[in-house]
Amino acid sequence: MYMALIEIIHYLITPKAVNAAGIFSWLNGPNPATASDLIIFVNIVKNIAIGAVGAIAVSMFFWGIFKLFMSGGDQNKVTEARKIIIASLVGLSIIIASGFIISTFISITS
């Protein structure tokens, strides 16, 4: 699994892959970058960031569920697990809202 992740990261940061995808057309020659290149770049960064932070929020949600199941009825552990679950749900809603706001801004500016 780690090797697949390393391969994906390597593919994402390799200039050859970026040029083949046409993301940064200004790397191919003296042509200056355009506003559409910046919008595409911001969209790619947004997708990667929201995916990574969203995965962390979902994993924290499941961690809170796990802690709730393993609390054994101890009120302090139940309260701690509920705090984790609520915080992860609030974080996930903020992530979704920020993705929607950025996508709306990108669609308005392009």
PDB file of N, CA and C in Angstrom:
ATOM      1  N   MET A   1       0.822  -1.180   0.000  1.00  0.00           N
ATOM      2  CA  MET A   1       0.000   0.000   0.000  1.00  0.00           C
ATOM      3  C   MET A   1       0.875   1.254   0.000  1.00  0.00           C
ATOM      4  N   TYR A   2       1.957   1.224   0.780  1.00  0.00           N
ATOM      5  CA  TYR A   2       2.832   2.377   0.827  1.00  0.00           C
ATOM      6  C   TYR A   2       3.519   2.603  -0.520  1.00  0.00           C
ATOM      7  N   MET A   3       3.848   1.534  -1.204  1.00  0.00           N
ATOM      8  CA  MET A   3       4.489   1.681  -2.508  1.00  0.00           C
ATOM      9  C   MET A   3       3.533   2.319  -3.506  1.00  0.00           C
ATOM     10  N   ALA A   4       2.258   1.953  -3.442  1.00  0.00           N
ATOM     11  CA  ALA A   4       1.283   2.570  -4.337  1.00  0.00           C
ATOM     12  C   ALA A   4       1.155   4.059  -4.047  1.00  0.00           C
ATOM     13  N   LEU A   5       1.169   4.415  -2.777  1.00  0.00           N
ATOM     14  CA  LEU A   5       1.092   5.827  -2.404  1.00  0.00           C
ATOM     15  C   LEU A   5       2.329   6.585  -2.878  1.00  0.00           C
ATOM     16  N   ILE A   6       3.485   5.972  -2.748  1.00  0.00           N
ATOM     17  CA  ILE A   6       4.723   6.603  -3.215  1.00  0.00           C
ATOM     18  C   ILE A   6       4.678   6.784  -4.734  1.00  0.00           C
ATOM     19  N   GLU A   7       4.168   5.785  -5.456  1.00  0.00           N
ATOM     20  CA  GLU A   7       4.061   5.894  -6.907  1.00  0.00           C
ATOM     21  C   GLU A   7       3.110   7.010  -7.316  1.00  0.00           C
ATOM     22  N   ILE A   8       2.004   7.155  -6.596  1.00  0.00           N
ATOM     23  CA  ILE A   8       1.044   8.221  -6.913  1.00  0.00           C
ATOM     24  C   ILE A   8       1.670   9.582  -6.661  1.00  0.00           C
ATOM     25  N   ILE A   9       2.355   9.733  -5.530  1.00  0.00           N
ATOM     26  CA  ILE A   9       3.006  11.002  -5.220  1.00  0.00           C
ATOM     27  C   ILE A   9       4.099  11.299  -6.247  1.00  0.00           C
ATOM     28  N   HIS A  10       4.858  10.281  -6.609  1.00  0.00           N
ATOM     29  CA  HIS A  10       5.904  10.467  -7.615  1.00  0.00           C
ATOM     30  C   HIS A  10       5.299  10.906  -8.943  1.00  0.00           C
ATOM     31  N   TYR A  11       4.185  10.300  -9.329  1.00  0.00           N
ATOM     32  CA  TYR A  11       3.514  10.677 -10.567  1.00  0.00           C
ATOM     33  C   TYR A  11       3.013  12.122 -10.503  1.00  0.00           C
ATOM     34  N   LEU A  12       2.514  12.517  -9.328  1.00  0.00           N
ATOM     35  CA  LEU A  12       1.958  13.864  -9.200  1.00  0.00           C
ATOM     36  C   LEU A  12       3.026  14.946  -9.249  1.00  0.00           C
ATOM     37  N   ILE A  13       4.234  14.645  -8.745  1.00  0.00           N
ATOM     38  CA  ILE A  13       5.250  15.699  -8.696  1.00  0.00           C
ATOM     39  C   ILE A  13       6.243  15.629  -9.840  1.00  0.00           C
ATOM     40  N   THR A  14       6.122  14.642 -10.710  1.00  0.00           N
ATOM     41  CA  THR A  14       7.038  14.536 -11.833  1.00  0.00           C
ATOM     42  C   THR A  14       6.637  15.531 -12.910  1.00  0.00           C
ATOM     43  N   PRO A  15       7.554  16.395 -13.330  1.00  0.00           N
ATOM     44  CA  PRO A  15       7.205  17.389 -14.352  1.00  0.00           C
ATOM     45  C   PRO A  15       6.740  16.771 -15.660  1.00  0.00           C
ATOM     46  N   LYS A  16       7.272  15.583 -16.015  1.00  0.00           N
ATOM     47  CA  LYS A  16       6.871  14.946 -17.247  1.00  0.00           C
ATOM     48  C   LYS A  16       5.374  14.611 -17.224  1.00  0.00           C
ATOM     49  N   ALA A  17       4.910  14.115 -16.089  1.00  0.00           N
ATOM     50  CA  ALA A  17       3.495  13.784 -15.967  1.00  0.00           C
ATOM     51  C   ALA A  17       2.642  15.036 -15.999  1.00  0.00           C
ATOM     52  N   VAL A  18       3.136  16.097 -15.397  1.00  0.00           N
ATOM     53  CA  VAL A  18       2.391  17.355 -15.387  1.00  0.00           C
ATOM     54  C   VAL A  18       2.295  17.913 -16.798  1.00  0.00           C
ATOM     55  N   ASN A  19       3.401  17.875 -17.549  1.00  0.00           N
ATOM     56  CA  ASN A  19       3.376  18.385 -18.915  1.00  0.00           C
ATOM     57  C   ASN A  19       2.522  17.517 -19.825  1.00  0.00           C
ATOM     58  N   ALA A  20       2.563  16.205 -19.631  1.00  0.00           N
ATOM     59  CA  ALA A  20       1.763  15.325 -20.461  1.00  0.00           C
ATOM     60  C   ALA A  20       0.279  15.558 -20.225  1.00  0.00           C
ATOM     61  N   ALA A  21      -0.077  15.906 -19.000  1.00  0.00           N
ATOM     62  CA  ALA A  21      -1.477  16.185 -18.707  1.00  0.00           C
ATOM     63  C   ALA A  21      -1.885  17.570 -19.186  1.00  0.00           C
ATOM     64  N   GLY A  22      -0.925  18.400 -19.556  1.00  0.00           N
ATOM     65  CA  GLY A  22      -1.231  19.731 -20.052  1.00  0.00           C
ATOM     66  C   GLY A  22      -1.644  20.700 -18.963  1.00  0.00           C
ATOM     67  N   ILE A  23      -1.288  20.379 -17.726  1.00  0.00           N
ATOM     68  CA  ILE A  23      -1.720  21.221 -16.620  1.00  0.00           C
ATOM     69  C   ILE A  23      -0.953  22.534 -16.623  1.00  0.00           C
ATOM     70  N   PHE A  24       0.359  22.451 -16.772  1.00  0.00           N
ATOM     71  CA  PHE A  24       1.174  23.663 -16.809  1.00  0.00           C
ATOM     72  C   PHE A  24       1.744  23.802 -18.213  1.00  0.00           C
ATOM     73  N   SER A  25       0.942  24.326 -19.102  1.00  0.00           N
ATOM     74  CA  SER A  25       1.399  24.446 -20.484  1.00  0.00           C
ATOM     75  C   SER A  25       2.553  25.420 -20.612  1.00  0.00           C
ATOM     76  N   TRP A  26       2.704  26.323 -19.664  1.00  0.00           N
ATOM     77  CA  TRP A  26       3.781  27.297 -19.715  1.00  0.00           C
ATOM     78  C   TRP A  26       5.147  26.694 -19.424  1.00  0.00           C
ATOM     79  N   LEU A  27       5.194  25.417 -18.964  1.00  0.00           N
ATOM     80  CA  LEU A  27       6.488  24.773 -18.751  1.00  0.00           C
ATOM     81  C   LEU A  27       7.099  24.290 -20.061  1.00  0.00           C
ATOM     82  N   ASN A  28       6.286  24.196 -21.099  1.00  0.00           N
ATOM     83  CA  ASN A  28       6.759  23.642 -22.363  1.00  0.00           C
ATOM     84  C   ASN A  28       7.552  24.638 -23.204  1.00  0.00           C
ATOM     85  N   GLY A  29       7.494  25.888 -22.909  1.00  0.00           N
ATOM     86  CA  GLY A  29       8.218  26.841 -23.726  1.00  0.00           C
ATOM     87  C   GLY A  29       8.082  28.243 -23.182  1.00  0.00           C
ATOM     88  N   PRO A  30       8.348  29.222 -24.045  1.00  0.00           N
ATOM     89  CA  PRO A  30       8.343  30.607 -23.579  1.00  0.00           C
ATOM     90  C   PRO A  30       6.950  31.196 -23.392  1.00  0.00           C
ATOM     91  N   ASN A  31       5.902  30.428 -23.620  1.00  0.00           N
ATOM     92  CA  ASN A  31       4.549  30.955 -23.453  1.00  0.00           C
ATOM     93  C   ASN A  31       4.307  31.300 -21.981  1.00  0.00           C
ATOM     94  N   PRO A  32       3.787  32.476 -21.721  1.00  0.00           N
ATOM     95  CA  PRO A  32       3.518  32.840 -20.320  1.00  0.00           C
ATOM     96  C   PRO A  32       2.303  32.092 -19.780  1.00  0.00           C
ATOM     97  N   ALA A  33       2.268  31.974 -18.478  1.00  0.00           N
ATOM     98  CA  ALA A  33       1.130  31.315 -17.841  1.00  0.00           C
ATOM     99  C   ALA A  33      -0.104  32.203 -18.002  1.00  0.00           C
ATOM    100  N   THR A  34      -1.241  31.535 -18.151  1.00  0.00           N
ATOM    101  CA  THR A  34      -2.493  32.272 -18.288  1.00  0.00           C
ATOM    102  C   THR A  34      -3.304  32.115 -17.011  1.00  0.00           C
ATOM    103  N   ALA A  35      -4.384  32.839 -16.943  1.00  0.00           N
ATOM    104  CA  ALA A  35      -5.258  32.743 -15.777  1.00  0.00           C
ATOM    105  C   ALA A  35      -5.876  31.358 -15.680  1.00  0.00           C
ATOM    106  N   SER A  36      -6.119  30.715 -16.812  1.00  0.00           N
ATOM    107  CA  SER A  36      -6.713  29.373 -16.764  1.00  0.00           C
ATOM    108  C   SER A  36      -5.738  28.360 -16.165  1.00  0.00           C
ATOM    109  N   ASP A  37      -4.428  28.563 -16.381  1.00  0.00           N
ATOM    110  CA  ASP A  37      -3.440  27.691 -15.748  1.00  0.00           C
ATOM    111  C   ASP A  37      -3.501  27.818 -14.232  1.00  0.00           C
ATOM    112  N   LEU A  38      -3.653  29.033 -13.750  1.00  0.00           N
ATOM    113  CA  LEU A  38      -3.750  29.263 -12.311  1.00  0.00           C
ATOM    114  C   LEU A  38      -5.023  28.636 -11.748  1.00  0.00           C
ATOM    115  N   ILE A  39      -6.118  28.761 -12.467  1.00  0.00           N
ATOM    116  CA  ILE A  39      -7.388  28.183 -12.007  1.00  0.00           C
ATOM    117  C   ILE A  39      -7.296  26.662 -11.959  1.00  0.00           C
ATOM    118  N   ILE A  40      -6.675  26.086 -12.967  1.00  0.00           N
ATOM    119  CA  ILE A  40      -6.500  24.626 -12.978  1.00  0.00           C
ATOM    120  C   ILE A  40      -5.615  24.196 -11.811  1.00  0.00           C
ATOM    121  N   PHE A  41      -4.537  24.932 -11.570  1.00  0.00           N
ATOM    122  CA  PHE A  41      -3.636  24.607 -10.467  1.00  0.00           C
ATOM    123  C   PHE A  41      -4.352  24.697  -9.118  1.00  0.00           C
ATOM    124  N   VAL A  42      -5.121  25.767  -8.910  1.00  0.00           N
ATOM    125  CA  VAL A  42      -5.865  25.931  -7.656  1.00  0.00           C
ATOM    126  C   VAL A  42      -6.878  24.799  -7.490  1.00  0.00           C
ATOM    127  N   ASN A  43      -7.518  24.395  -8.572  1.00  0.00           N
ATOM    128  CA  ASN A  43      -8.493  23.310  -8.503  1.00  0.00           C
ATOM    129  C   ASN A  43      -7.820  21.986  -8.126  1.00  0.00           C
ATOM    130  N   ILE A  44      -6.647  21.731  -8.670  1.00  0.00           N
ATOM    131  CA  ILE A  44      -5.926  20.492  -8.345  1.00  0.00           C
ATOM    132  C   ILE A  44      -5.491  20.507  -6.883  1.00  0.00           C
ATOM    133  N   VAL A  45      -4.944  21.620  -6.428  1.00  0.00           N
ATOM    134  CA  VAL A  45      -4.523  21.724  -5.032  1.00  0.00           C
ATOM    135  C   VAL A  45      -5.718  21.575  -4.099  1.00  0.00           C
ATOM    136  N   LYS A  46      -6.844  22.175  -4.467  1.00  0.00           N
ATOM    137  CA  LYS A  46      -8.063  22.057  -3.660  1.00  0.00           C
ATOM    138  C   LYS A  46      -8.499  20.600  -3.544  1.00  0.00           C
ATOM    139  N   ASN A  47      -8.501  19.890  -4.662  1.00  0.00           N
ATOM    140  CA  ASN A  47      -8.934  18.496  -4.640  1.00  0.00           C
ATOM    141  C   ASN A  47      -8.021  17.631  -3.780  1.00  0.00           C
ATOM    142  N   ILE A  48      -6.718  17.851  -3.889  1.00  0.00           N
ATOM    143  CA  ILE A  48      -5.775  17.061  -3.089  1.00  0.00           C
ATOM    144  C   ILE A  48      -5.924  17.393  -1.606  1.00  0.00           C
ATOM    145  N   ALA A  49      -6.016  18.689  -1.288  1.00  0.00           N
ATOM    146  CA  ALA A  49      -6.112  19.100   0.118  1.00  0.00           C
ATOM    147  C   ALA A  49      -7.414  18.621   0.751  1.00  0.00           C
ATOM    148  N   ILE A  50      -8.514  18.774   0.047  1.00  0.00           N
ATOM    149  CA  ILE A  50      -9.797  18.341   0.612  1.00  0.00           C
ATOM    150  C   ILE A  50      -9.834  16.829   0.758  1.00  0.00           C
ATOM    151  N   GLY A  51      -9.239  16.124  -0.184  1.00  0.00           N
ATOM    152  CA  GLY A  51      -9.182  14.668  -0.067  1.00  0.00           C
ATOM    153  C   GLY A  51      -8.366  14.218   1.135  1.00  0.00           C
ATOM    154  N   ALA A  52      -7.221  14.847   1.342  1.00  0.00           N
ATOM    155  CA  ALA A  52      -6.358  14.456   2.464  1.00  0.00           C
ATOM    156  C   ALA A  52      -6.990  14.818   3.805  1.00  0.00           C
ATOM    157  N   VAL A  53      -7.481  16.042   3.926  1.00  0.00           N
ATOM    158  CA  VAL A  53      -8.071  16.470   5.194  1.00  0.00           C
ATOM    159  C   VAL A  53      -9.384  15.736   5.450  1.00  0.00           C
ATOM    160  N   GLY A  54     -10.134  15.455   4.383  1.00  0.00           N
ATOM    161  CA  GLY A  54     -11.370  14.686   4.535  1.00  0.00           C
ATOM    162  C   GLY A  54     -11.097  13.272   5.020  1.00  0.00           C
ATOM    163  N   ALA A  55     -10.032  12.674   4.529  1.00  0.00           N
ATOM    164  CA  ALA A  55      -9.672  11.328   4.984  1.00  0.00           C
ATOM    165  C   ALA A  55      -9.303  11.338   6.466  1.00  0.00           C
ATOM    166  N   ILE A  56      -8.620  12.386   6.899  1.00  0.00           N
ATOM    167  CA  ILE A  56      -8.273  12.501   8.319  1.00  0.00           C
ATOM    168  C   ILE A  56      -9.536  12.666   9.157  1.00  0.00           C
ATOM    169  N   ALA A  57     -10.482  13.487   8.697  1.00  0.00           N
ATOM    170  CA  ALA A  57     -11.720  13.706   9.451  1.00  0.00           C
ATOM    171  C   ALA A  57     -12.547  12.427   9.541  1.00  0.00           C
ATOM    172  N   VAL A  58     -12.624  11.686   8.456  1.00  0.00           N
ATOM    173  CA  VAL A  58     -13.384  10.426   8.475  1.00  0.00           C
ATOM    174  C   VAL A  58     -12.703   9.413   9.382  1.00  0.00           C
ATOM    175  N   SER A  59     -11.371   9.360   9.346  1.00  0.00           N
ATOM    176  CA  SER A  59     -10.682   8.414  10.232  1.00  0.00           C
ATOM    177  C   SER A  59     -10.864   8.802  11.696  1.00  0.00           C
ATOM    178  N   MET A  60     -10.898  10.097  11.999  1.00  0.00           N
ATOM    179  CA  MET A  60     -11.165  10.524  13.376  1.00  0.00           C
ATOM    180  C   MET A  60     -12.591  10.168  13.803  1.00  0.00           C
ATOM    181  N   PHE A  61     -13.531  10.251  12.877  1.00  0.00           N
ATOM    182  CA  PHE A  61     -14.903   9.852  13.177  1.00  0.00           C
ATOM    183  C   PHE A  61     -14.953   8.372  13.564  1.00  0.00           C
ATOM    184  N   PHE A  62     -14.292   7.534  12.772  1.00  0.00           N
ATOM    185  CA  PHE A  62     -14.281   6.104  13.088  1.00  0.00           C
ATOM    186  C   PHE A  62     -13.500   5.821  14.366  1.00  0.00           C
ATOM    187  N   TRP A  63     -12.469   6.613  14.653  1.00  0.00           N
ATOM    188  CA  TRP A  63     -11.742   6.458  15.902  1.00  0.00           C
ATOM    189  C   TRP A  63     -12.657   6.771  17.090  1.00  0.00           C
ATOM    190  N   GLY A  64     -13.471   7.805  16.961  1.00  0.00           N
ATOM    191  CA  GLY A  64     -14.428   8.136  18.020  1.00  0.00           C
ATOM    192  C   GLY A  64     -15.467   7.046  18.213  1.00  0.00           C
ATOM    193  N   ILE A  65     -15.936   6.465  17.111  1.00  0.00           N
ATOM    194  CA  ILE A  65     -16.889   5.348  17.201  1.00  0.00           C
ATOM    195  C   ILE A  65     -16.227   4.167  17.908  1.00  0.00           C
ATOM    196  N   PHE A  66     -14.981   3.877  17.540  1.00  0.00           N
ATOM    197  CA  PHE A  66     -14.254   2.772  18.165  1.00  0.00           C
ATOM    198  C   PHE A  66     -14.094   3.009  19.665  1.00  0.00           C
ATOM    199  N   LYS A  67     -13.721   4.246  20.029  1.00  0.00           N
ATOM    200  CA  LYS A  67     -13.565   4.560  21.448  1.00  0.00           C
ATOM    201  C   LYS A  67     -14.898   4.462  22.190  1.00  0.00           C
ATOM    202  N   LEU A  68     -15.989   4.815  21.520  1.00  0.00           N
ATOM    203  CA  LEU A  68     -17.311   4.712  22.133  1.00  0.00           C
ATOM    204  C   LEU A  68     -17.668   3.256  22.403  1.00  0.00           C
ATOM    205  N   PHE A  69     -17.382   2.401  21.439  1.00  0.00           N
ATOM    206  CA  PHE A  69     -17.670   0.983  21.635  1.00  0.00           C
ATOM    207  C   PHE A  69     -16.790   0.358  22.717  1.00  0.00           C
ATOM    208  N   MET A  70     -15.565   0.832  22.829  1.00  0.00           N
ATOM    209  CA  MET A  70     -14.632   0.264  23.793  1.00  0.00           C
ATOM    210  C   MET A  70     -14.688   0.950  25.158  1.00  0.00           C
ATOM    211  N   SER A  71     -15.610   1.873  25.344  1.00  0.00           N
ATOM    212  CA  SER A  71     -15.667   2.612  26.605  1.00  0.00           C
ATOM    213  C   SER A  71     -16.102   1.736  27.775  1.00  0.00           C
ATOM    214  N   GLY A  72     -16.855   0.709  27.515  1.00  0.00           N
ATOM    215  CA  GLY A  72     -17.287  -0.196  28.573  1.00  0.00           C
ATOM    216  C   GLY A  72     -18.241   0.449  29.563  1.00  0.00           C
ATOM    217  N   GLY A  73     -18.910   1.501  29.149  1.00  0.00           N
ATOM    218  CA  GLY A  73     -19.874   2.157  30.029  1.00  0.00           C
ATOM    219  C   GLY A  73     -19.287   3.226  30.920  1.00  0.00           C
ATOM    220  N   ASP A  74     -17.974   3.415  30.873  1.00  0.00           N
ATOM    221  CA  ASP A  74     -17.325   4.458  31.670  1.00  0.00           C
ATOM    222  C   ASP A  74     -17.737   5.821  31.121  1.00  0.00           C
ATOM    223  N   GLN A  75     -18.328   6.641  31.968  1.00  0.00           N
ATOM    224  CA  GLN A  75     -18.904   7.910  31.517  1.00  0.00           C
ATOM    225  C   GLN A  75     -17.842   8.871  30.979  1.00  0.00           C
ATOM    226  N   ASN A  76     -16.655   8.875  31.566  1.00  0.00           N
ATOM    227  CA  ASN A  76     -15.594   9.750  31.079  1.00  0.00           C
ATOM    228  C   ASN A  76     -15.146   9.362  29.666  1.00  0.00           C
ATOM    229  N   LYS A  77     -15.018   8.069  29.419  1.00  0.00           N
ATOM    230  CA  LYS A  77     -14.612   7.595  28.093  1.00  0.00           C
ATOM    231  C   LYS A  77     -15.710   7.855  27.057  1.00  0.00           C
ATOM    232  N   VAL A  78     -16.976   7.709  27.476  1.00  0.00           N
ATOM    233  CA  VAL A  78     -18.086   7.985  26.572  1.00  0.00           C
ATOM    234  C   VAL A  78     -18.092   9.465  26.195  1.00  0.00           C
ATOM    235  N   THR A  79     -17.878  10.334  27.155  1.00  0.00           N
ATOM    236  CA  THR A  79     -17.844  11.774  26.894  1.00  0.00           C
ATOM    237  C   THR A  79     -16.694  12.130  25.964  1.00  0.00           C
ATOM    238  N   GLU A  80     -15.530  11.529  26.193  1.00  0.00           N
ATOM    239  CA  GLU A  80     -14.382  11.771  25.327  1.00  0.00           C
ATOM    240  C   GLU A  80     -14.646  11.303  23.898  1.00  0.00           C
ATOM    241  N   ALA A  81     -15.256  10.127  23.761  1.00  0.00           N
ATOM    242  CA  ALA A  81     -15.575   9.593  22.429  1.00  0.00           C
ATOM    243  C   ALA A  81     -16.592  10.483  21.721  1.00  0.00           C
ATOM    244  N   ARG A  82     -17.585  10.965  22.446  1.00  0.00           N
ATOM    245  CA  ARG A  82     -18.583  11.852  21.835  1.00  0.00           C
ATOM    246  C   ARG A  82     -17.950  13.156  21.373  1.00  0.00           C
ATOM    247  N   LYS A  83     -17.003  13.677  22.144  1.00  0.00           N
ATOM    248  CA  LYS A  83     -16.312  14.901  21.735  1.00  0.00           C
ATOM    249  C   LYS A  83     -15.540  14.679  20.437  1.00  0.00           C
ATOM    250  N   ILE A  84     -14.897  13.529  20.321  1.00  0.00           N
ATOM    251  CA  ILE A  84     -14.149  13.212  19.103  1.00  0.00           C
ATOM    252  C   ILE A  84     -15.100  13.095  17.920  1.00  0.00           C
ATOM    253  N   ILE A  85     -16.218  12.418  18.114  1.00  0.00           N
ATOM    254  CA  ILE A  85     -17.187  12.245  17.028  1.00  0.00           C
ATOM    255  C   ILE A  85     -17.757  13.591  16.596  1.00  0.00           C
ATOM    256  N   ILE A  86     -18.140  14.410  17.556  1.00  0.00           N
ATOM    257  CA  ILE A  86     -18.722  15.720  17.217  1.00  0.00           C
ATOM    258  C   ILE A  86     -17.686  16.602  16.532  1.00  0.00           C
ATOM    259  N   ALA A  87     -16.457  16.599  17.029  1.00  0.00           N
ATOM    260  CA  ALA A  87     -15.407  17.423  16.412  1.00  0.00           C
ATOM    261  C   ALA A  87     -15.114  16.961  14.986  1.00  0.00           C
ATOM    262  N   SER A  88     -15.110  15.661  14.762  1.00  0.00           N
ATOM    263  CA  SER A  88     -14.843  15.176  13.406  1.00  0.00           C
ATOM    264  C   SER A  88     -15.996  15.508  12.464  1.00  0.00           C
ATOM    265  N   LEU A  89     -17.227  15.459  12.947  1.00  0.00           N
ATOM    266  CA  LEU A  89     -18.367  15.823  12.104  1.00  0.00           C
ATOM    267  C   LEU A  89     -18.371  17.324  11.791  1.00  0.00           C
ATOM    268  N   VAL A  90     -18.019  18.136  12.772  1.00  0.00           N
ATOM    269  CA  VAL A  90     -17.912  19.581  12.524  1.00  0.00           C
ATOM    270  C   VAL A  90     -16.795  19.848  11.518  1.00  0.00           C
ATOM    271  N   GLY A  91     -15.668  19.190  11.692  1.00  0.00           N
ATOM    272  CA  GLY A  91     -14.562  19.349  10.748  1.00  0.00           C
ATOM    273  C   GLY A  91     -14.930  18.908   9.346  1.00  0.00           C
ATOM    274  N   LEU A  92     -15.641  17.787   9.248  1.00  0.00           N
ATOM    275  CA  LEU A  92     -16.058  17.295   7.938  1.00  0.00           C
ATOM    276  C   LEU A  92     -17.026  18.261   7.271  1.00  0.00           C
ATOM    277  N   SER A  93     -17.927  18.851   8.048  1.00  0.00           N
ATOM    278  CA  SER A  93     -18.852  19.820   7.458  1.00  0.00           C
ATOM    279  C   SER A  93     -18.122  21.082   7.012  1.00  0.00           C
ATOM    280  N   ILE A  94     -17.105  21.506   7.760  1.00  0.00           N
ATOM    281  CA  ILE A  94     -16.305  22.663   7.346  1.00  0.00           C
ATOM    282  C   ILE A  94     -15.532  22.351   6.063  1.00  0.00           C
ATOM    283  N   ILE A  95     -15.011  21.139   5.971  1.00  0.00           N
ATOM    284  CA  ILE A  95     -14.279  20.730   4.774  1.00  0.00           C
ATOM    285  C   ILE A  95     -15.196  20.741   3.558  1.00  0.00           C
ATOM    286  N   ILE A  96     -16.387  20.185   3.703  1.00  0.00           N
ATOM    287  CA  ILE A  96     -17.335  20.148   2.585  1.00  0.00           C
ATOM    288  C   ILE A  96     -17.746  21.569   2.195  1.00  0.00           C
ATOM    289  N   ALA A  97     -18.019  22.401   3.182  1.00  0.00           N
ATOM    290  CA  ALA A  97     -18.422  23.782   2.890  1.00  0.00           C
ATOM    291  C   ALA A  97     -17.292  24.556   2.208  1.00  0.00           C
ATOM    292  N   SER A  98     -16.059  24.364   2.665  1.00  0.00           N
ATOM    293  CA  SER A  98     -14.947  25.079   2.036  1.00  0.00           C
ATOM    294  C   SER A  98     -14.725  24.604   0.604  1.00  0.00           C
ATOM    295  N   GLY A  99     -14.895  23.306   0.372  1.00  0.00           N
ATOM    296  CA  GLY A  99     -14.794  22.797  -0.999  1.00  0.00           C
ATOM    297  C   GLY A  99     -15.861  23.392  -1.899  1.00  0.00           C
ATOM    298  N   PHE A 100     -17.077  23.526  -1.371  1.00  0.00           N
ATOM    299  CA  PHE A 100     -18.161  24.123  -2.144  1.00  0.00           C
ATOM    300  C   PHE A 100     -17.872  25.601  -2.422  1.00  0.00           C
ATOM    301  N   ILE A 101     -17.380  26.319  -1.432  1.00  0.00           N
ATOM    302  CA  ILE A 101     -17.085  27.748  -1.610  1.00  0.00           C
ATOM    303  C   ILE A 101     -15.960  27.944  -2.634  1.00  0.00           C
ATOM    304  N   ILE A 102     -14.916  27.151  -2.537  1.00  0.00           N
ATOM    305  CA  ILE A 102     -13.806  27.285  -3.483  1.00  0.00           C
ATOM    306  C   ILE A 102     -14.245  26.899  -4.892  1.00  0.00           C
ATOM    307  N   SER A 103     -15.040  25.842  -5.010  1.00  0.00           N
ATOM    308  CA  SER A 103     -15.533  25.437  -6.333  1.00  0.00           C
ATOM    309  C   SER A 103     -16.433  26.519  -6.941  1.00  0.00           C
ATOM    310  N   THR A 104     -17.258  27.125  -6.112  1.00  0.00           N
ATOM    311  CA  THR A 104     -18.109  28.210  -6.601  1.00  0.00           C
ATOM    312  C   THR A 104     -17.271  29.395  -7.059  1.00  0.00           C
ATOM    313  N   PHE A 105     -16.242  29.738  -6.273  1.00  0.00           N
ATOM    314  CA  PHE A 105     -15.356  30.834  -6.654  1.00  0.00           C
ATOM    315  C   PHE A 105     -14.628  30.537  -7.953  1.00  0.00           C
ATOM    316  N   ILE A 106     -14.163  29.293  -8.109  1.00  0.00           N
ATOM    317  CA  ILE A 106     -13.455  28.915  -9.338  1.00  0.00           C
ATOM    318  C   ILE A 106     -14.399  28.982 -10.537  1.00  0.00           C
ATOM    319  N   SER A 107     -15.638  28.508 -10.378  1.00  0.00           N
ATOM    320  CA  SER A 107     -16.572  28.543 -11.495  1.00  0.00           C
ATOM    321  C   SER A 107     -16.975  29.976 -11.858  1.00  0.00           C
ATOM    322  N   ILE A 108     -17.022  30.857 -10.868  1.00  0.00           N
ATOM    323  CA  ILE A 108     -17.360  32.256 -11.142  1.00  0.00           C
ATOM    324  C   ILE A 108     -16.219  32.951 -11.874  1.00  0.00           C
ATOM    325  N   THR A 109     -14.986  32.665 -11.467  1.00  0.00           N
ATOM    326  CA  THR A 109     -13.843  33.361 -12.065  1.00  0.00           C
ATOM    327  C   THR A 109     -13.416  32.798 -13.403  1.00  0.00           C
ATOM    328  N   SER A 110     -13.866  31.605 -13.741  1.00  0.00           N
ATOM    329  CA  SER A 110     -13.407  31.034 -15.029  1.00  0.00           C
ATOM    330  C   SER A 110     -14.393  31.255 -16.135  1.00  0.00           C
TER     331      SER A 110
END
